[in-house]
Amino acid sequence: MIEIPSDLHRDVVPLAFLLGTWEGAGVYAPLDESRPGREKCNFGQEVVFRHDGRPFLEYRSRTWVLDAEGHKVRPLENESGFWRITSNADGASGARGIEIAMVRDEGVIEIWYGELADGRPQIDVATDAVARAQSAEPYSGGKRLYGLVNGELMWVGEKAAPEIPLRPTMSAQLKKVLNPAKLIEDIADLPDDGIAFFR
């Protein structure tokens, strides 16, 4: 069940399924493996979607390289941004336009456009504009697909560079992290001794 906060701006209600903290793991395959620190690996990820009552969701993602046992080795890539619905926010049916403004720690700023599918929690976006710092690796654009599948947030990302055609570079499977405050709220009606729960 998707919970919709009472103070969530009505324009982003269709994105309510994204809200919360998500954690999981995925696979990373760089565009250019010759760059130091850029080799194929498994990665861990934490994604947070939150809101402050205005007509957008705030997004933050942190990833880190995992070793063969699943332990953190080093940071991989961080990004943050803002997700908006640009068309058909109030529509009862039909796809909704999506706009994402994002910045990545390696010195890349992106504007993404796409759509939220009609009747299912699936978002398909592609870059419309890319600006990168001189120190950033060559990059000319990307595509991403996000979807809620059996309660898990799954996504796949593709990238392209001037000399490299668009190809998959990252994908992950994330589970929603339970909020301890919500768990306490849910058990508030239990008797103090807890024993009556088993009777």
N, C-alpha and C. Protein backbone atom coordinates (compact mmCIF):
# COMPACT_ATOMS: atom_id res chain seq x y z
N MET A 1 0.84 -1.17 0.00
CA MET A 1 0.00 0.00 0.00
C MET A 1 0.89 1.24 0.00
N ILE A 2 0.53 2.22 -0.80
CA ILE A 2 1.27 3.47 -0.89
C ILE A 2 0.60 4.48 0.03
N GLU A 3 1.40 5.02 0.96
CA GLU A 3 0.91 6.02 1.90
C GLU A 3 1.17 7.40 1.33
N ILE A 4 0.15 8.26 1.36
CA ILE A 4 0.29 9.62 0.84
C ILE A 4 0.23 10.60 2.01
N PRO A 5 1.35 11.27 2.32
CA PRO A 5 1.36 12.23 3.42
C PRO A 5 0.35 13.34 3.19
N SER A 6 -0.29 13.80 4.26
CA SER A 6 -1.33 14.83 4.13
C SER A 6 -0.76 16.16 3.64
N ASP A 7 0.53 16.42 3.90
CA ASP A 7 1.12 17.69 3.48
C ASP A 7 1.88 17.59 2.16
N LEU A 8 1.74 16.46 1.46
CA LEU A 8 2.39 16.32 0.15
C LEU A 8 1.67 17.21 -0.85
N HIS A 9 2.42 18.00 -1.61
CA HIS A 9 1.81 18.89 -2.61
C HIS A 9 1.04 18.05 -3.62
N ARG A 10 -0.15 18.51 -3.98
CA ARG A 10 -1.02 17.71 -4.85
C ARG A 10 -0.39 17.41 -6.21
N ASP A 11 0.52 18.29 -6.67
CA ASP A 11 1.12 18.08 -7.99
C ASP A 11 2.06 16.88 -8.02
N VAL A 12 2.56 16.45 -6.88
CA VAL A 12 3.49 15.30 -6.87
C VAL A 12 2.89 14.06 -6.21
N VAL A 13 1.59 14.06 -5.96
CA VAL A 13 0.93 12.87 -5.41
C VAL A 13 1.20 11.62 -6.27
N PRO A 14 1.20 11.73 -7.61
CA PRO A 14 1.50 10.53 -8.40
C PRO A 14 2.89 9.94 -8.16
N LEU A 15 3.80 10.71 -7.55
CA LEU A 15 5.14 10.22 -7.24
C LEU A 15 5.28 9.73 -5.80
N ALA A 16 4.18 9.67 -5.08
CA ALA A 16 4.23 9.29 -3.65
C ALA A 16 4.85 7.91 -3.44
N PHE A 17 4.78 7.03 -4.42
CA PHE A 17 5.35 5.69 -4.26
C PHE A 17 6.86 5.73 -4.08
N LEU A 18 7.51 6.83 -4.45
CA LEU A 18 8.95 6.95 -4.32
C LEU A 18 9.39 7.39 -2.93
N LEU A 19 8.51 8.02 -2.17
CA LEU A 19 8.89 8.63 -0.89
C LEU A 19 9.49 7.63 0.08
N GLY A 20 10.51 8.08 0.80
CA GLY A 20 11.14 7.26 1.83
C GLY A 20 12.60 7.00 1.51
N THR A 21 13.17 6.11 2.31
CA THR A 21 14.57 5.72 2.15
C THR A 21 14.62 4.31 1.61
N TRP A 22 15.44 4.10 0.60
CA TRP A 22 15.58 2.82 -0.07
C TRP A 22 17.04 2.39 -0.01
N GLU A 23 17.29 1.12 0.24
CA GLU A 23 18.65 0.61 0.26
C GLU A 23 18.73 -0.71 -0.48
N GLY A 24 19.87 -0.96 -1.10
CA GLY A 24 20.06 -2.22 -1.81
C GLY A 24 21.40 -2.26 -2.49
N ALA A 25 21.47 -3.02 -3.55
CA ALA A 25 22.74 -3.23 -4.26
C ALA A 25 22.48 -3.33 -5.74
N GLY A 26 23.59 -3.18 -6.49
CA GLY A 26 23.47 -3.26 -7.94
C GLY A 26 24.81 -3.55 -8.58
N VAL A 27 24.84 -3.38 -9.90
CA VAL A 27 26.02 -3.67 -10.71
C VAL A 27 26.39 -2.41 -11.47
N TYR A 28 27.70 -2.11 -11.49
CA TYR A 28 28.22 -0.93 -12.17
C TYR A 28 29.20 -1.37 -13.24
N ALA A 29 29.03 -0.83 -14.46
CA ALA A 29 29.95 -1.09 -15.58
C ALA A 29 30.27 0.25 -16.21
N PRO A 30 31.46 0.80 -15.97
CA PRO A 30 31.78 2.14 -16.46
C PRO A 30 31.84 2.23 -17.98
N LEU A 31 31.64 3.44 -18.48
CA LEU A 31 31.79 3.67 -19.92
C LEU A 31 33.24 3.48 -20.33
N ASP A 32 34.16 3.96 -19.50
CA ASP A 32 35.59 3.89 -19.83
C ASP A 32 36.35 3.25 -18.68
N GLU A 33 36.67 1.96 -18.80
CA GLU A 33 37.35 1.23 -17.73
C GLU A 33 38.82 1.60 -17.61
N SER A 34 39.34 2.40 -18.52
CA SER A 34 40.75 2.78 -18.44
C SER A 34 40.99 3.88 -17.42
N ARG A 35 39.92 4.57 -17.00
CA ARG A 35 40.08 5.63 -15.99
C ARG A 35 40.34 5.00 -14.62
N PRO A 36 41.28 5.50 -13.84
CA PRO A 36 41.58 4.94 -12.51
C PRO A 36 40.35 4.95 -11.61
N GLY A 37 40.15 3.86 -10.88
CA GLY A 37 39.01 3.75 -9.97
C GLY A 37 37.69 3.49 -10.66
N ARG A 38 37.71 3.23 -11.96
CA ARG A 38 36.48 2.99 -12.72
C ARG A 38 36.53 1.60 -13.33
N GLU A 39 36.24 0.59 -12.52
CA GLU A 39 36.18 -0.76 -13.03
C GLU A 39 34.83 -1.37 -12.68
N LYS A 40 34.44 -2.40 -13.41
CA LYS A 40 33.16 -3.07 -13.16
C LYS A 40 33.15 -3.57 -11.72
N CYS A 41 32.02 -3.39 -11.04
CA CYS A 41 31.93 -3.81 -9.64
C CYS A 41 30.47 -3.93 -9.22
N ASN A 42 30.28 -4.52 -8.06
CA ASN A 42 28.99 -4.47 -7.38
C ASN A 42 29.01 -3.22 -6.50
N PHE A 43 27.84 -2.62 -6.31
CA PHE A 43 27.79 -1.43 -5.47
C PHE A 43 26.59 -1.49 -4.54
N GLY A 44 26.74 -0.81 -3.41
CA GLY A 44 25.63 -0.60 -2.49
C GLY A 44 25.05 0.77 -2.76
N GLN A 45 23.77 0.95 -2.43
CA GLN A 45 23.12 2.23 -2.71
C GLN A 45 22.11 2.57 -1.63
N GLU A 46 22.06 3.86 -1.30
CA GLU A 46 20.99 4.41 -0.48
C GLU A 46 20.37 5.55 -1.27
N VAL A 47 19.06 5.50 -1.42
CA VAL A 47 18.31 6.54 -2.13
C VAL A 47 17.26 7.10 -1.17
N VAL A 48 17.16 8.41 -1.12
CA VAL A 48 16.15 9.08 -0.29
C VAL A 48 15.32 10.01 -1.16
N PHE A 49 14.01 9.84 -1.09
CA PHE A 49 13.06 10.77 -1.70
C PHE A 49 12.26 11.39 -0.56
N ARG A 50 12.24 12.72 -0.50
CA ARG A 50 11.45 13.38 0.54
C ARG A 50 10.82 14.64 -0.03
N HIS A 51 9.96 15.26 0.77
CA HIS A 51 9.27 16.47 0.30
C HIS A 51 9.18 17.47 1.44
N ASP A 52 8.95 18.72 1.10
CA ASP A 52 8.76 19.75 2.12
C ASP A 52 7.47 20.54 1.89
N GLY A 53 6.55 19.94 1.15
CA GLY A 53 5.27 20.59 0.90
C GLY A 53 5.20 21.37 -0.40
N ARG A 54 6.36 21.60 -1.03
CA ARG A 54 6.37 22.31 -2.31
C ARG A 54 6.17 21.31 -3.45
N PRO A 55 5.97 21.79 -4.71
CA PRO A 55 5.59 20.89 -5.81
C PRO A 55 6.75 20.13 -6.46
N PHE A 56 7.59 19.49 -5.64
CA PHE A 56 8.66 18.65 -6.15
C PHE A 56 9.09 17.68 -5.05
N LEU A 57 9.77 16.61 -5.45
CA LEU A 57 10.40 15.71 -4.49
C LEU A 57 11.90 15.98 -4.51
N GLU A 58 12.50 15.98 -3.34
CA GLU A 58 13.95 16.09 -3.24
C GLU A 58 14.53 14.68 -3.31
N TYR A 59 15.60 14.52 -4.06
CA TYR A 59 16.20 13.21 -4.31
C TYR A 59 17.67 13.24 -3.93
N ARG A 60 18.13 12.18 -3.27
CA ARG A 60 19.55 12.04 -2.96
C ARG A 60 19.93 10.57 -3.10
N SER A 61 21.05 10.30 -3.75
CA SER A 61 21.55 8.93 -3.91
C SER A 61 23.03 8.89 -3.55
N ARG A 62 23.40 7.89 -2.75
CA ARG A 62 24.81 7.64 -2.43
C ARG A 62 25.10 6.19 -2.82
N THR A 63 26.22 5.97 -3.48
CA THR A 63 26.62 4.61 -3.84
C THR A 63 28.07 4.39 -3.41
N TRP A 64 28.40 3.14 -3.18
CA TRP A 64 29.75 2.77 -2.77
C TRP A 64 30.10 1.40 -3.34
N VAL A 65 31.37 1.21 -3.64
CA VAL A 65 31.88 -0.06 -4.16
C VAL A 65 31.80 -1.11 -3.05
N LEU A 66 31.36 -2.32 -3.41
CA LEU A 66 31.31 -3.44 -2.47
C LEU A 66 32.36 -4.47 -2.85
N ASP A 67 32.96 -5.10 -1.83
CA ASP A 67 33.89 -6.19 -2.12
C ASP A 67 33.10 -7.50 -2.29
N ALA A 68 33.78 -8.62 -2.48
CA ALA A 68 33.14 -9.91 -2.74
C ALA A 68 32.25 -10.36 -1.59
N GLU A 69 32.56 -9.89 -0.36
CA GLU A 69 31.75 -10.26 0.81
C GLU A 69 30.63 -9.26 1.08
N GLY A 70 30.53 -8.22 0.26
CA GLY A 70 29.48 -7.23 0.43
C GLY A 70 29.83 -6.09 1.37
N HIS A 71 31.11 -5.92 1.71
CA HIS A 71 31.54 -4.83 2.58
C HIS A 71 31.86 -3.58 1.75
N LYS A 72 31.62 -2.40 2.35
CA LYS A 72 31.94 -1.14 1.69
C LYS A 72 33.45 -1.02 1.51
N VAL A 73 33.87 -0.65 0.30
CA VAL A 73 35.28 -0.44 0.00
C VAL A 73 35.58 1.05 -0.08
N ARG A 74 34.79 1.79 -0.88
CA ARG A 74 34.99 3.23 -1.05
C ARG A 74 33.75 3.82 -1.72
N PRO A 75 33.59 5.15 -1.63
CA PRO A 75 32.46 5.78 -2.32
C PRO A 75 32.58 5.58 -3.84
N LEU A 76 31.44 5.50 -4.50
CA LEU A 76 31.43 5.35 -5.96
C LEU A 76 30.92 6.64 -6.62
N GLU A 77 29.68 7.02 -6.31
CA GLU A 77 29.08 8.18 -6.97
C GLU A 77 27.93 8.69 -6.12
N ASN A 78 27.83 10.00 -5.98
CA ASN A 78 26.71 10.62 -5.27
C ASN A 78 26.00 11.56 -6.23
N GLU A 79 24.69 11.66 -6.07
CA GLU A 79 23.92 12.61 -6.88
C GLU A 79 22.74 13.11 -6.08
N SER A 80 22.28 14.29 -6.42
CA SER A 80 21.10 14.84 -5.77
C SER A 80 20.34 15.69 -6.76
N GLY A 81 19.06 15.89 -6.47
CA GLY A 81 18.27 16.67 -7.40
C GLY A 81 16.84 16.84 -6.96
N PHE A 82 16.02 17.28 -7.91
CA PHE A 82 14.62 17.60 -7.67
C PHE A 82 13.76 17.03 -8.79
N TRP A 83 12.69 16.32 -8.42
CA TRP A 83 11.80 15.67 -9.38
C TRP A 83 10.45 16.40 -9.38
N ARG A 84 9.97 16.73 -10.57
CA ARG A 84 8.69 17.43 -10.71
C ARG A 84 7.82 16.72 -11.75
N ILE A 85 6.53 16.92 -11.61
CA ILE A 85 5.59 16.52 -12.66
C ILE A 85 5.29 17.78 -13.45
N THR A 86 5.44 17.70 -14.76
CA THR A 86 5.29 18.89 -15.60
C THR A 86 4.00 18.91 -16.42
N SER A 87 3.33 17.77 -16.52
CA SER A 87 2.07 17.76 -17.27
C SER A 87 1.16 16.67 -16.74
N ASN A 88 -0.14 16.92 -16.83
CA ASN A 88 -1.17 15.96 -16.45
C ASN A 88 -1.09 15.54 -14.98
N ALA A 89 -0.66 16.45 -14.09
CA ALA A 89 -0.55 16.12 -12.67
C ALA A 89 -1.90 15.76 -12.07
N ASP A 90 -2.96 16.42 -12.52
CA ASP A 90 -4.30 16.18 -11.97
C ASP A 90 -5.11 15.16 -12.75
N GLY A 91 -4.55 14.65 -13.82
CA GLY A 91 -5.31 13.75 -14.69
C GLY A 91 -5.66 12.42 -14.02
N ALA A 92 -6.84 11.93 -14.30
CA ALA A 92 -7.26 10.63 -13.77
C ALA A 92 -6.63 9.49 -14.56
N SER A 93 -6.22 9.77 -15.78
CA SER A 93 -5.55 8.76 -16.60
C SER A 93 -4.59 9.46 -17.56
N GLY A 94 -3.75 8.66 -18.16
CA GLY A 94 -2.77 9.21 -19.10
C GLY A 94 -1.41 9.37 -18.45
N ALA A 95 -0.37 9.32 -19.26
CA ALA A 95 1.00 9.48 -18.76
C ALA A 95 1.20 10.90 -18.24
N ARG A 96 2.10 11.04 -17.29
CA ARG A 96 2.41 12.34 -16.72
C ARG A 96 3.85 12.71 -17.08
N GLY A 97 4.06 13.95 -17.48
CA GLY A 97 5.40 14.41 -17.80
C GLY A 97 6.25 14.56 -16.54
N ILE A 98 7.52 14.18 -16.63
CA ILE A 98 8.45 14.26 -15.51
C ILE A 98 9.64 15.13 -15.90
N GLU A 99 10.12 15.93 -14.95
CA GLU A 99 11.32 16.74 -15.12
C GLU A 99 12.21 16.52 -13.91
N ILE A 100 13.50 16.27 -14.15
CA ILE A 100 14.46 16.08 -13.06
C ILE A 100 15.65 16.99 -13.30
N ALA A 101 16.01 17.78 -12.28
CA ALA A 101 17.25 18.57 -12.30
C ALA A 101 18.20 17.86 -11.34
N MET A 102 19.40 17.49 -11.82
CA MET A 102 20.28 16.66 -11.01
C MET A 102 21.73 17.12 -11.14
N VAL A 103 22.48 16.95 -10.04
CA VAL A 103 23.92 17.22 -10.04
C VAL A 103 24.63 16.00 -9.46
N ARG A 104 25.75 15.62 -10.09
CA ARG A 104 26.55 14.49 -9.61
C ARG A 104 27.89 14.98 -9.10
N ASP A 105 28.44 14.26 -8.12
CA ASP A 105 29.65 14.72 -7.45
C ASP A 105 30.87 14.78 -8.35
N GLU A 106 30.84 14.14 -9.49
CA GLU A 106 32.02 14.19 -10.37
C GLU A 106 32.05 15.45 -11.23
N GLY A 107 31.03 16.32 -11.05
CA GLY A 107 31.03 17.58 -11.79
C GLY A 107 30.12 17.59 -12.99
N VAL A 108 28.99 16.89 -12.90
CA VAL A 108 28.03 16.84 -14.00
C VAL A 108 26.68 17.36 -13.52
N ILE A 109 26.08 18.22 -14.32
CA ILE A 109 24.73 18.72 -14.07
C ILE A 109 23.86 18.27 -15.23
N GLU A 110 22.68 17.73 -14.91
CA GLU A 110 21.80 17.18 -15.95
C GLU A 110 20.37 17.67 -15.78
N ILE A 111 19.68 17.83 -16.89
CA ILE A 111 18.23 18.04 -16.92
C ILE A 111 17.66 16.83 -17.65
N TRP A 112 16.72 16.16 -17.00
CA TRP A 112 16.10 14.96 -17.55
C TRP A 112 14.62 15.23 -17.80
N TYR A 113 14.08 14.67 -18.89
CA TYR A 113 12.65 14.71 -19.15
C TYR A 113 12.18 13.30 -19.50
N GLY A 114 10.93 13.04 -19.18
CA GLY A 114 10.36 11.74 -19.50
C GLY A 114 8.93 11.67 -19.03
N GLU A 115 8.51 10.45 -18.66
CA GLU A 115 7.13 10.31 -18.22
C GLU A 115 6.94 9.21 -17.20
N LEU A 116 5.92 9.43 -16.37
CA LEU A 116 5.41 8.42 -15.45
C LEU A 116 4.32 7.69 -16.19
N ALA A 117 4.45 6.38 -16.30
CA ALA A 117 3.50 5.58 -17.08
C ALA A 117 2.08 5.71 -16.54
N ASP A 118 1.12 5.54 -17.40
CA ASP A 118 -0.29 5.58 -17.03
C ASP A 118 -0.67 4.31 -16.27
N GLY A 119 -1.09 4.46 -15.04
CA GLY A 119 -1.64 3.33 -14.28
C GLY A 119 -0.62 2.40 -13.65
N ARG A 120 0.67 2.72 -13.73
CA ARG A 120 1.66 1.86 -13.06
C ARG A 120 2.86 2.70 -12.63
N PRO A 121 3.52 2.29 -11.55
CA PRO A 121 4.64 3.07 -11.02
C PRO A 121 5.93 2.82 -11.80
N GLN A 122 6.01 3.39 -12.98
CA GLN A 122 7.18 3.23 -13.84
C GLN A 122 7.52 4.58 -14.47
N ILE A 123 8.80 4.98 -14.34
CA ILE A 123 9.27 6.27 -14.84
C ILE A 123 10.39 6.04 -15.84
N ASP A 124 10.25 6.64 -17.00
CA ASP A 124 11.23 6.52 -18.08
C ASP A 124 11.70 7.93 -18.42
N VAL A 125 13.01 8.22 -18.23
CA VAL A 125 13.52 9.56 -18.49
C VAL A 125 14.81 9.50 -19.31
N ALA A 126 15.11 10.62 -19.99
CA ALA A 126 16.35 10.75 -20.75
C ALA A 126 16.86 12.17 -20.57
N THR A 127 18.18 12.34 -20.70
CA THR A 127 18.75 13.68 -20.54
C THR A 127 18.35 14.57 -21.71
N ASP A 128 18.08 15.83 -21.37
CA ASP A 128 17.80 16.85 -22.37
C ASP A 128 18.97 17.82 -22.46
N ALA A 129 19.65 18.03 -21.32
CA ALA A 129 20.79 18.94 -21.29
C ALA A 129 21.83 18.40 -20.30
N VAL A 130 23.10 18.52 -20.67
CA VAL A 130 24.20 18.06 -19.83
C VAL A 130 25.27 19.15 -19.81
N ALA A 131 25.74 19.48 -18.61
CA ALA A 131 26.89 20.37 -18.46
C ALA A 131 27.87 19.64 -17.56
N ARG A 132 29.15 19.69 -17.91
CA ARG A 132 30.12 18.98 -17.08
C ARG A 132 31.36 19.83 -16.87
N ALA A 133 31.95 19.65 -15.68
CA ALA A 133 33.20 20.32 -15.36
C ALA A 133 34.31 19.73 -16.22
N GLN A 134 35.37 20.48 -16.39
CA GLN A 134 36.49 20.02 -17.20
C GLN A 134 37.09 18.73 -16.66
N SER A 135 37.05 18.55 -15.33
CA SER A 135 37.64 17.36 -14.71
C SER A 135 36.74 16.12 -14.80
N ALA A 136 35.49 16.29 -15.19
CA ALA A 136 34.56 15.15 -15.27
C ALA A 136 34.90 14.26 -16.46
N GLU A 137 34.58 12.97 -16.33
CA GLU A 137 34.84 12.07 -17.45
C GLU A 137 33.93 12.42 -18.62
N PRO A 138 34.35 12.12 -19.84
CA PRO A 138 33.51 12.41 -21.01
C PRO A 138 32.12 11.78 -20.86
N TYR A 139 31.10 12.57 -21.15
CA TYR A 139 29.71 12.13 -20.98
C TYR A 139 28.83 13.03 -21.81
N SER A 140 27.93 12.44 -22.58
CA SER A 140 27.07 13.26 -23.42
C SER A 140 25.58 13.07 -23.15
N GLY A 141 25.20 12.09 -22.34
CA GLY A 141 23.78 11.92 -22.03
C GLY A 141 23.46 10.54 -21.51
N GLY A 142 22.21 10.37 -21.11
CA GLY A 142 21.81 9.08 -20.57
C GLY A 142 20.32 8.86 -20.60
N LYS A 143 19.95 7.66 -20.21
CA LYS A 143 18.54 7.26 -20.06
C LYS A 143 18.43 6.49 -18.76
N ARG A 144 17.27 6.57 -18.11
CA ARG A 144 17.01 5.78 -16.91
C ARG A 144 15.57 5.29 -16.92
N LEU A 145 15.41 4.13 -16.32
CA LEU A 145 14.09 3.54 -16.13
C LEU A 145 13.98 3.14 -14.66
N TYR A 146 12.94 3.65 -13.99
CA TYR A 146 12.67 3.32 -12.59
C TYR A 146 11.32 2.62 -12.53
N GLY A 147 11.19 1.66 -11.62
CA GLY A 147 9.90 1.00 -11.46
C GLY A 147 9.76 0.37 -10.09
N LEU A 148 8.54 0.37 -9.59
CA LEU A 148 8.22 -0.30 -8.34
C LEU A 148 7.71 -1.69 -8.71
N VAL A 149 8.47 -2.73 -8.31
CA VAL A 149 8.13 -4.11 -8.66
C VAL A 149 8.05 -4.92 -7.37
N ASN A 150 6.87 -5.42 -7.06
CA ASN A 150 6.65 -6.20 -5.83
C ASN A 150 7.19 -5.49 -4.60
N GLY A 151 6.95 -4.19 -4.51
CA GLY A 151 7.35 -3.40 -3.37
C GLY A 151 8.80 -2.98 -3.35
N GLU A 152 9.57 -3.32 -4.38
CA GLU A 152 10.98 -2.94 -4.46
C GLU A 152 11.18 -1.93 -5.58
N LEU A 153 12.07 -0.96 -5.33
CA LEU A 153 12.39 0.03 -6.34
C LEU A 153 13.55 -0.49 -7.17
N MET A 154 13.32 -0.67 -8.45
CA MET A 154 14.35 -1.17 -9.35
C MET A 154 14.63 -0.10 -10.40
N TRP A 155 15.88 -0.01 -10.81
CA TRP A 155 16.21 0.97 -11.83
C TRP A 155 17.40 0.50 -12.65
N VAL A 156 17.46 1.02 -13.87
CA VAL A 156 18.60 0.76 -14.76
C VAL A 156 18.95 2.08 -15.43
N GLY A 157 20.26 2.35 -15.52
CA GLY A 157 20.73 3.59 -16.14
C GLY A 157 21.66 3.29 -17.30
N GLU A 158 21.53 4.09 -18.35
CA GLU A 158 22.41 4.00 -19.51
C GLU A 158 23.12 5.33 -19.68
N LYS A 159 24.35 5.28 -20.19
CA LYS A 159 25.13 6.50 -20.45
C LYS A 159 25.74 6.43 -21.84
N ALA A 160 26.07 7.62 -22.35
CA ALA A 160 26.79 7.72 -23.63
C ALA A 160 27.86 8.79 -23.47
N ALA A 161 28.90 8.65 -24.24
CA ALA A 161 29.99 9.64 -24.31
C ALA A 161 30.18 9.98 -25.78
N PRO A 162 30.92 11.06 -26.09
CA PRO A 162 31.09 11.43 -27.50
C PRO A 162 31.58 10.28 -28.39
N GLU A 163 32.45 9.43 -27.87
CA GLU A 163 32.99 8.32 -28.67
C GLU A 163 32.36 6.97 -28.34
N ILE A 164 31.40 6.95 -27.40
CA ILE A 164 30.81 5.68 -26.95
C ILE A 164 29.29 5.77 -27.05
N PRO A 165 28.64 4.86 -27.78
CA PRO A 165 27.18 4.90 -27.89
C PRO A 165 26.51 4.54 -26.56
N LEU A 166 25.25 4.91 -26.45
CA LEU A 166 24.45 4.66 -25.26
C LEU A 166 24.50 3.18 -24.89
N ARG A 167 24.80 2.88 -23.62
CA ARG A 167 24.82 1.50 -23.16
C ARG A 167 24.56 1.45 -21.66
N PRO A 168 24.04 0.32 -21.15
CA PRO A 168 23.76 0.20 -19.71
C PRO A 168 25.05 0.31 -18.90
N THR A 169 24.98 1.10 -17.80
CA THR A 169 26.15 1.25 -16.93
C THR A 169 25.84 0.93 -15.47
N MET A 170 24.59 1.10 -15.04
CA MET A 170 24.24 0.82 -13.65
C MET A 170 22.83 0.27 -13.57
N SER A 171 22.62 -0.63 -12.62
CA SER A 171 21.27 -1.09 -12.30
C SER A 171 21.27 -1.53 -10.85
N ALA A 172 20.12 -1.40 -10.19
CA ALA A 172 20.04 -1.76 -8.78
C ALA A 172 18.64 -2.20 -8.41
N GLN A 173 18.58 -2.92 -7.30
CA GLN A 173 17.33 -3.39 -6.71
C GLN A 173 17.35 -2.92 -5.26
N LEU A 174 16.35 -2.10 -4.88
CA LEU A 174 16.34 -1.45 -3.57
C LEU A 174 15.09 -1.80 -2.79
N LYS A 175 15.26 -1.99 -1.49
CA LYS A 175 14.14 -2.25 -0.59
C LYS A 175 13.90 -1.02 0.28
N LYS A 176 12.65 -0.78 0.62
CA LYS A 176 12.31 0.37 1.46
C LYS A 176 12.76 0.11 2.88
N VAL A 177 13.38 1.12 3.47
CA VAL A 177 13.84 1.03 4.86
C VAL A 177 12.69 1.46 5.75
N LEU A 178 12.40 0.64 6.77
CA LEU A 178 11.31 0.96 7.68
C LEU A 178 11.73 2.07 8.62
N ASN A 179 10.82 2.99 8.87
CA ASN A 179 11.05 4.10 9.78
C ASN A 179 10.73 3.64 11.20
N PRO A 180 11.71 3.66 12.13
CA PRO A 180 11.45 3.21 13.50
C PRO A 180 10.31 3.97 14.17
N ALA A 181 10.17 5.27 13.88
CA ALA A 181 9.08 6.04 14.46
C ALA A 181 7.73 5.49 14.03
N LYS A 182 7.62 5.05 12.77
CA LYS A 182 6.37 4.47 12.27
C LYS A 182 6.11 3.13 12.93
N LEU A 183 7.16 2.34 13.16
CA LEU A 183 6.98 1.05 13.83
C LEU A 183 6.46 1.26 15.25
N ILE A 184 6.99 2.26 15.94
CA ILE A 184 6.52 2.55 17.31
C ILE A 184 5.07 2.98 17.28
N GLU A 185 4.71 3.78 16.29
CA GLU A 185 3.32 4.22 16.12
C GLU A 185 2.40 3.02 15.93
N ASP A 186 2.85 2.04 15.14
CA ASP A 186 2.04 0.87 14.84
C ASP A 186 1.84 -0.04 16.05
N ILE A 187 2.78 -0.03 17.01
CA ILE A 187 2.64 -0.92 18.16
C ILE A 187 2.13 -0.19 19.40
N ALA A 188 1.74 1.08 19.23
CA ALA A 188 1.28 1.88 20.36
C ALA A 188 0.05 1.27 21.04
N ASP A 189 -0.75 0.51 20.32
CA ASP A 189 -1.96 -0.07 20.89
C ASP A 189 -1.72 -1.39 21.62
N LEU A 190 -0.51 -1.90 21.60
CA LEU A 190 -0.21 -3.15 22.31
C LEU A 190 -0.24 -2.91 23.82
N PRO A 191 -0.68 -3.91 24.60
CA PRO A 191 -0.64 -3.76 26.06
C PRO A 191 0.80 -3.64 26.54
N ASP A 192 0.96 -3.01 27.70
CA ASP A 192 2.29 -2.75 28.25
C ASP A 192 3.13 -4.01 28.41
N ASP A 193 2.50 -5.11 28.84
CA ASP A 193 3.29 -6.32 29.08
C ASP A 193 3.52 -7.13 27.81
N GLY A 194 2.79 -6.82 26.74
CA GLY A 194 2.98 -7.53 25.47
C GLY A 194 2.43 -8.94 25.43
N ILE A 195 2.10 -9.51 26.59
CA ILE A 195 1.68 -10.92 26.66
C ILE A 195 0.31 -11.12 26.02
N ALA A 196 -0.56 -10.13 26.20
CA ALA A 196 -1.93 -10.27 25.68
C ALA A 196 -1.94 -10.43 24.16
N PHE A 197 -0.90 -9.99 23.51
CA PHE A 197 -0.80 -10.11 22.06
C PHE A 197 -0.85 -11.58 21.63
N PHE A 198 -0.31 -12.49 22.47
CA PHE A 198 -0.23 -13.90 22.12
C PHE A 198 -1.42 -14.71 22.61
N ARG A 199 -2.36 -14.12 23.32
CA ARG A 199 -3.52 -14.85 23.85
C ARG A 199 -4.62 -14.95 22.83
